[in-house]
Protein backbone atom coordinates (compact mmCIF):
# COMPACT_ATOMS: atom_id res chain seq x y z
CA MET A 1 -90.46 54.87 -69.56
CA PRO A 2 -92.52 51.98 -71.21
CA LYS A 3 -95.51 53.08 -72.96
CA ARG A 4 -97.76 51.05 -70.78
CA SER A 5 -96.60 52.86 -67.73
CA THR A 6 -96.84 56.10 -69.29
CA LEU A 7 -100.41 55.46 -70.54
CA ARG A 8 -101.25 54.52 -66.94
CA LEU A 9 -99.86 57.61 -65.24
CA THR A 10 -101.67 59.77 -68.06
CA THR A 11 -105.10 57.88 -67.39
CA ARG A 12 -104.61 58.39 -63.67
CA SER A 13 -103.82 62.10 -64.01
CA VAL A 14 -106.80 62.57 -66.36
CA VAL A 15 -109.05 60.99 -63.51
CA ASN A 16 -107.44 62.95 -60.72
CA ARG A 17 -107.42 66.31 -62.30
CA HIS A 18 -110.62 66.49 -64.31
CA ILE A 19 -113.05 63.38 -63.74
CA ALA A 20 -113.13 63.03 -59.80
CA PRO A 21 -113.32 66.82 -59.34
CA ALA A 22 -116.19 67.12 -61.81
CA LEU A 23 -118.07 64.01 -60.97
CA GLY A 24 -116.41 62.32 -58.04
CA LEU A 25 -119.18 63.03 -55.49
CA LEU A 26 -121.63 61.34 -57.82
CA PRO A 27 -122.62 57.64 -58.00
CA LEU A 28 -122.04 56.06 -61.23
CA GLN A 29 -125.66 55.58 -61.59
CA ALA A 30 -126.37 59.24 -61.24
CA VAL A 31 -123.90 60.63 -63.68
CA GLU A 32 -125.99 61.80 -66.42
CA ARG A 33 -125.06 63.10 -69.98
CA TRP A 34 -125.37 66.86 -68.83
CA HIS A 35 -122.83 66.12 -66.26
CA VAL A 36 -120.23 64.82 -68.71
CA MET A 37 -121.17 67.82 -71.03
CA ALA A 38 -120.45 70.31 -68.36
CA MET A 39 -117.13 68.40 -67.64
CA ARG A 40 -116.06 68.72 -71.36
CA GLU A 41 -117.13 72.42 -71.63
CA SER A 42 -115.02 72.93 -68.52
CA LEU A 43 -112.06 71.97 -70.41
CA TRP A 44 -112.69 74.19 -73.62
CA ASP A 45 -109.00 75.46 -73.49
CA ILE A 46 -107.34 72.07 -73.76
CA PRO A 47 -109.91 70.24 -76.13
CA ALA A 48 -107.57 67.17 -76.35
CA MET A 49 -107.58 66.83 -72.63
CA ALA A 50 -111.52 67.17 -72.76
CA ASN A 51 -111.55 64.37 -75.20
CA MET A 52 -109.31 62.17 -73.06
CA ALA A 53 -111.61 62.91 -70.10
CA VAL A 54 -114.83 61.80 -71.92
CA GLU A 55 -113.01 58.56 -73.47
CA THR A 56 -111.58 57.78 -70.07
CA LEU A 57 -114.90 58.06 -68.50
CA SER A 58 -116.43 55.95 -70.84
CA HIS A 59 -113.79 53.28 -70.66
CA MET A 60 -114.69 53.38 -66.82
CA TYR A 61 -118.09 52.66 -67.34
CA LYS A 62 -117.22 49.46 -69.75
CA LEU A 63 -115.16 48.16 -66.64
CA ALA A 64 -117.83 48.95 -64.13
CA TRP A 65 -120.25 46.72 -66.25
CA GLY A 66 -117.61 43.96 -66.46
CA TRP A 67 -116.74 43.95 -63.01
CA ASN A 68 -120.56 44.06 -61.77
CA VAL A 69 -120.12 47.30 -60.07
CA VAL A 70 -123.18 48.53 -61.73
CA SER A 71 -126.09 46.89 -63.38
CA GLU A 72 -126.37 46.35 -67.17
CA ASP A 73 -129.33 48.80 -67.49
CA CYS A 74 -126.93 51.74 -66.26
CA ASP A 75 -126.33 53.72 -69.23
CA ASP A 76 -122.99 55.15 -70.48
CA PRO A 77 -123.47 59.19 -70.15
CA CYS A 78 -120.79 59.44 -72.43
CA GLU A 79 -122.48 57.68 -75.25
CA SER A 80 -122.93 60.03 -78.49
CA ILE A 81 -121.20 62.88 -76.69
CA PRO A 82 -119.37 64.82 -79.65
CA LEU A 83 -115.57 64.99 -79.10
CA ASN A 84 -113.66 68.06 -80.16
CA PRO A 85 -112.15 67.86 -83.59
CA LYS A 86 -108.41 66.94 -83.39
CA ARG A 87 -106.29 69.70 -84.27
CA THR A 88 -103.66 68.99 -86.80
CA ARG A 89 -102.24 72.66 -86.93
CA GLU A 90 -98.49 73.36 -86.18
CA ARG A 91 -97.91 76.29 -84.02
CA PHE A 92 -94.56 78.22 -84.06
CA LEU A 93 -93.73 81.27 -81.81
CA THR A 94 -92.68 84.36 -83.72
CA ASP A 95 -89.58 86.40 -82.89
CA ALA A 96 -91.89 88.95 -81.24
CA GLU A 97 -93.80 86.32 -79.23
CA PHE A 98 -90.18 84.52 -78.04
CA THR A 99 -89.47 88.08 -76.91
CA LYS A 100 -92.75 88.48 -75.05
CA LEU A 101 -92.23 85.14 -73.44
CA GLY A 102 -88.82 85.74 -72.27
CA GLN A 103 -90.02 89.20 -70.58
CA VAL A 104 -92.82 87.47 -68.86
CA LEU A 105 -90.33 84.77 -67.45
CA ASP A 106 -88.18 87.52 -66.13
CA GLU A 107 -91.10 89.39 -64.66
CA VAL A 108 -92.42 86.27 -62.80
CA SER A 109 -89.17 85.41 -61.72
CA GLY A 110 -88.83 88.60 -59.87
CA SER A 111 -92.49 88.95 -58.47
CA GLY A 112 -92.64 86.32 -56.05
CA SER A 113 -95.49 84.56 -58.25
CA GLN A 114 -96.82 81.21 -57.30
CA VAL A 115 -95.18 79.72 -60.15
CA SER A 116 -92.43 77.82 -58.62
CA ALA A 117 -88.81 78.22 -59.43
CA ALA A 118 -88.47 74.66 -60.84
CA ALA A 119 -91.34 74.99 -63.05
CA MET A 120 -89.51 78.27 -64.21
CA THR A 121 -86.13 76.47 -64.86
CA THR A 122 -87.77 73.78 -66.67
CA ILE A 123 -89.57 76.34 -69.23
CA ARG A 124 -86.41 77.97 -69.64
CA LEU A 125 -84.62 74.82 -70.48
CA LEU A 126 -87.30 73.32 -72.60
CA ILE A 127 -87.06 76.98 -74.90
CA LEU A 128 -83.15 76.33 -74.90
CA THR A 129 -82.56 72.83 -75.66
CA ALA A 130 -85.64 71.67 -77.61
CA CYS A 131 -86.17 68.65 -75.33
CA CYS A 132 -89.13 67.07 -74.22
CA LYS A 133 -90.82 68.35 -70.96
CA SER A 134 -90.38 64.77 -69.53
CA GLU A 135 -86.65 64.63 -70.41
CA ILE A 136 -86.01 67.81 -68.56
CA MET A 137 -88.13 66.90 -65.35
CA THR A 138 -86.36 63.52 -64.90
CA LEU A 139 -83.02 64.95 -65.91
CA ARG A 140 -80.44 63.68 -63.24
CA TRP A 141 -77.22 65.53 -62.24
CA LYS A 142 -75.09 62.61 -62.98
CA HIS A 143 -75.94 63.01 -66.52
CA VAL A 144 -74.96 66.56 -66.82
CA ASP A 145 -71.42 67.76 -67.92
CA LEU A 146 -71.12 71.19 -67.55
CA ASP A 147 -67.23 70.80 -68.76
CA LYS A 148 -68.22 69.22 -71.83
CA ALA A 149 -71.56 71.48 -72.27
CA GLU A 150 -73.73 68.61 -72.65
CA ILE A 151 -76.26 66.57 -71.08
CA ARG A 152 -77.22 63.09 -71.54
CA ILE A 153 -80.89 61.85 -72.05
CA VAL A 154 -81.29 58.25 -70.99
CA ASN A 155 -84.52 56.51 -72.06
CA GLY A 156 -86.23 59.67 -73.22
CA LYS A 157 -89.18 59.95 -75.69
CA THR A 158 -86.66 59.52 -78.66
CA GLY A 159 -84.30 57.17 -76.79
CA ASP A 160 -80.83 57.90 -75.41
CA ARG A 161 -78.89 60.64 -77.06
CA THR A 162 -76.60 63.55 -76.15
CA VAL A 163 -78.13 67.14 -76.24
CA HIS A 164 -75.42 69.70 -76.65
CA LEU A 165 -76.01 72.75 -74.61
CA SER A 166 -75.63 76.54 -75.45
CA PRO A 167 -73.95 79.01 -73.20
CA SER A 168 -77.46 80.09 -72.41
CA ALA A 169 -78.61 76.80 -71.15
CA MET A 170 -75.56 76.22 -69.67
CA GLY A 171 -75.97 79.53 -67.56
CA VAL A 172 -79.41 78.42 -66.10
CA LEU A 173 -77.94 74.86 -65.27
CA ALA A 174 -74.72 76.39 -63.57
CA THR A 175 -77.16 78.73 -61.22
CA LEU A 176 -79.15 75.78 -60.04
CA PRO A 177 -78.58 74.76 -56.44
CA ARG A 178 -77.89 71.14 -55.88
CA GLN A 179 -80.19 69.71 -53.09
CA PRO A 180 -78.56 67.18 -50.69
CA ASP A 181 -79.95 63.79 -51.38
CA ASN A 182 -81.76 64.81 -54.50
CA ARG A 183 -80.29 63.27 -57.60
CA TRP A 184 -82.77 65.39 -59.68
CA VAL A 185 -81.72 68.59 -61.69
CA VAL A 186 -85.25 70.03 -61.31
CA PRO A 187 -86.35 69.17 -57.81
CA GLY A 188 -90.29 68.35 -57.07
CA ALA A 189 -92.12 69.58 -54.16
CA LYS A 190 -91.26 66.56 -51.83
CA PRO A 191 -87.86 66.04 -50.68
CA GLY A 192 -86.09 63.77 -53.09
CA THR A 193 -88.37 63.71 -55.95
CA HIS A 194 -88.41 65.28 -59.20
CA MET A 195 -90.51 67.98 -60.87
CA ALA A 196 -93.68 66.15 -61.72
CA ASP A 197 -95.96 68.61 -63.58
CA ILE A 198 -95.50 71.90 -65.20
CA ASP A 199 -98.81 72.22 -67.07
CA GLY A 200 -100.51 74.61 -64.48
CA ALA A 201 -97.30 76.70 -64.69
CA TRP A 202 -97.14 76.78 -68.18
CA GLN A 203 -100.75 78.00 -68.52
CA SER A 204 -100.22 80.76 -66.10
CA ILE A 205 -96.91 81.83 -68.20
CA ARG A 206 -98.69 81.79 -71.43
CA ALA A 207 -101.82 83.59 -70.34
CA LYS A 208 -99.72 86.42 -68.82
CA ALA A 209 -97.87 86.56 -72.27
CA GLY A 210 -101.01 86.54 -74.52
CA LEU A 211 -99.87 82.92 -75.82
CA HIS A 212 -103.44 81.34 -75.29
CA ASP A 213 -103.11 78.80 -77.99
CA VAL A 214 -99.54 77.71 -77.23
CA ARG A 215 -99.16 74.27 -75.90
CA ILE A 216 -95.78 73.40 -74.19
CA HIS A 217 -94.65 71.13 -76.94
CA ASP A 218 -95.22 73.86 -79.27
CA ILE A 219 -91.70 75.16 -77.89
CA ARG A 220 -90.04 72.09 -79.43
CA HIS A 221 -91.65 72.90 -83.00
CA SER A 222 -90.55 76.56 -82.71
CA PHE A 223 -86.95 75.41 -81.96
CA ALA A 224 -87.03 73.74 -85.47
CA SER A 225 -88.53 76.57 -87.13
CA ARG A 226 -86.04 78.87 -85.66
CA ALA A 227 -83.26 76.63 -86.78
CA LEU A 228 -84.42 76.42 -90.34
CA ALA A 229 -85.00 80.30 -90.32
CA LEU A 230 -81.16 80.26 -89.50
CA GLY A 231 -80.30 77.97 -92.46
CA GLU A 232 -79.94 74.81 -90.63
CA GLY A 233 -80.97 71.54 -92.70
CA LEU A 234 -83.37 68.92 -91.90
CA PRO A 235 -80.67 66.41 -91.21
CA ILE A 236 -79.19 68.53 -88.35
CA ILE A 237 -82.49 69.35 -86.92
CA GLY A 238 -83.57 65.86 -86.63
CA ARG A 239 -80.41 65.20 -84.90
CA LEU A 240 -80.98 68.26 -82.57
CA LEU A 241 -84.47 67.06 -81.51
CA GLY A 242 -83.22 63.50 -81.25
CA HIS A 243 -85.52 62.24 -84.11
CA ARG A 244 -84.56 58.36 -85.11
CA ARG A 245 -86.62 58.65 -88.29
CA VAL A 246 -86.24 61.08 -91.36
CA GLU A 247 -89.79 60.99 -91.80
CA THR A 248 -90.63 62.58 -88.29
CA THR A 249 -88.34 65.42 -89.27
CA ALA A 250 -89.84 65.77 -92.66
CA ARG A 251 -92.95 67.32 -91.15
CA TYR A 252 -90.83 70.73 -91.18
CA ALA A 253 -89.90 70.16 -94.97
CA HIS A 254 -92.63 73.16 -95.84
CA LEU A 255 -90.68 75.43 -93.48
CA ALA A 256 -87.69 74.63 -95.38
CA ARG A 257 -89.12 75.34 -98.55
CA ASP A 258 -90.64 78.54 -97.31
CA SER A 259 -86.89 79.49 -96.06
CA VAL A 260 -85.60 78.74 -99.45
CA ARG A 261 -88.13 80.92 -101.09
CA GLU A 262 -87.62 83.61 -98.97
CA SER A 263 -83.81 83.32 -99.51
CA ALA A 264 -84.21 83.14 -103.38
CA GLU A 265 -86.38 86.32 -103.41
CA ARG A 266 -83.72 88.21 -101.07
CA ILE A 267 -80.96 87.17 -103.45
CA ALA A 268 -82.69 88.08 -106.79
CA SER A 269 -83.91 91.42 -105.39
CA SER A 270 -80.22 91.95 -104.39
CA ILE A 271 -79.08 90.99 -107.94
CA ALA A 272 -82.00 92.82 -109.68
CA ASP A 273 -80.99 96.12 -107.92
CA ASP A 274 -77.55 95.74 -109.87
CA ILE A 275 -78.80 94.88 -113.31
CA LEU A 276 -82.09 96.76 -113.65
């Protein structure tokens, strides 16, 4: 999907999910700074989205001035509102956290939860393939080859590529029912559509698992972290994640150094036991 279309969809989602529910009943001239602050604070658990909501609303006021929807003396209530600091941290799931996440997924699957089966399928495939969520949600059956144990990602975030499937991922796909007249692997709420949003489902799952600071994209980072821990090199990990530039995979170099350091310590300790 072109970047402009993605930006348009993202902006529409921010307006519909956050700005309109908080401020939609107010005329533009009636929105005050404290209204915007309250909206921002309501999104305390998703600080990047809170920033995007404030920035989007501010841009809406600029458009409103340009279109003469409001008079020029109408102030932008977003002006001088502090944004949340951007998080640069990398979050990786530990072995214990993966175990807990798996337990919660199993519990929710068998409990009649409001989390849809489609959302559960998406989350499981994200964990087992390291694909981006949009790549799984827009995956078509014609791009799934269970005989070759692979799926074809077309126009994905990192371009076209082939993703090789583990037996576990194959098991998830093999049990999925194929809906008549629906080409999508993960169906949406309306007939003939694909899954459109799993953010709410993920927030519910991560809360039950006690993973309150884990973003859906952190699953992909954790896949890379686990690969390094199992001894895979950065070039292979780059291919697994679909990176087209080595610089993108290089962000995990410090994990590779940690793995090498730990291996060196284990080997030296073993030798030391023999010679000392």
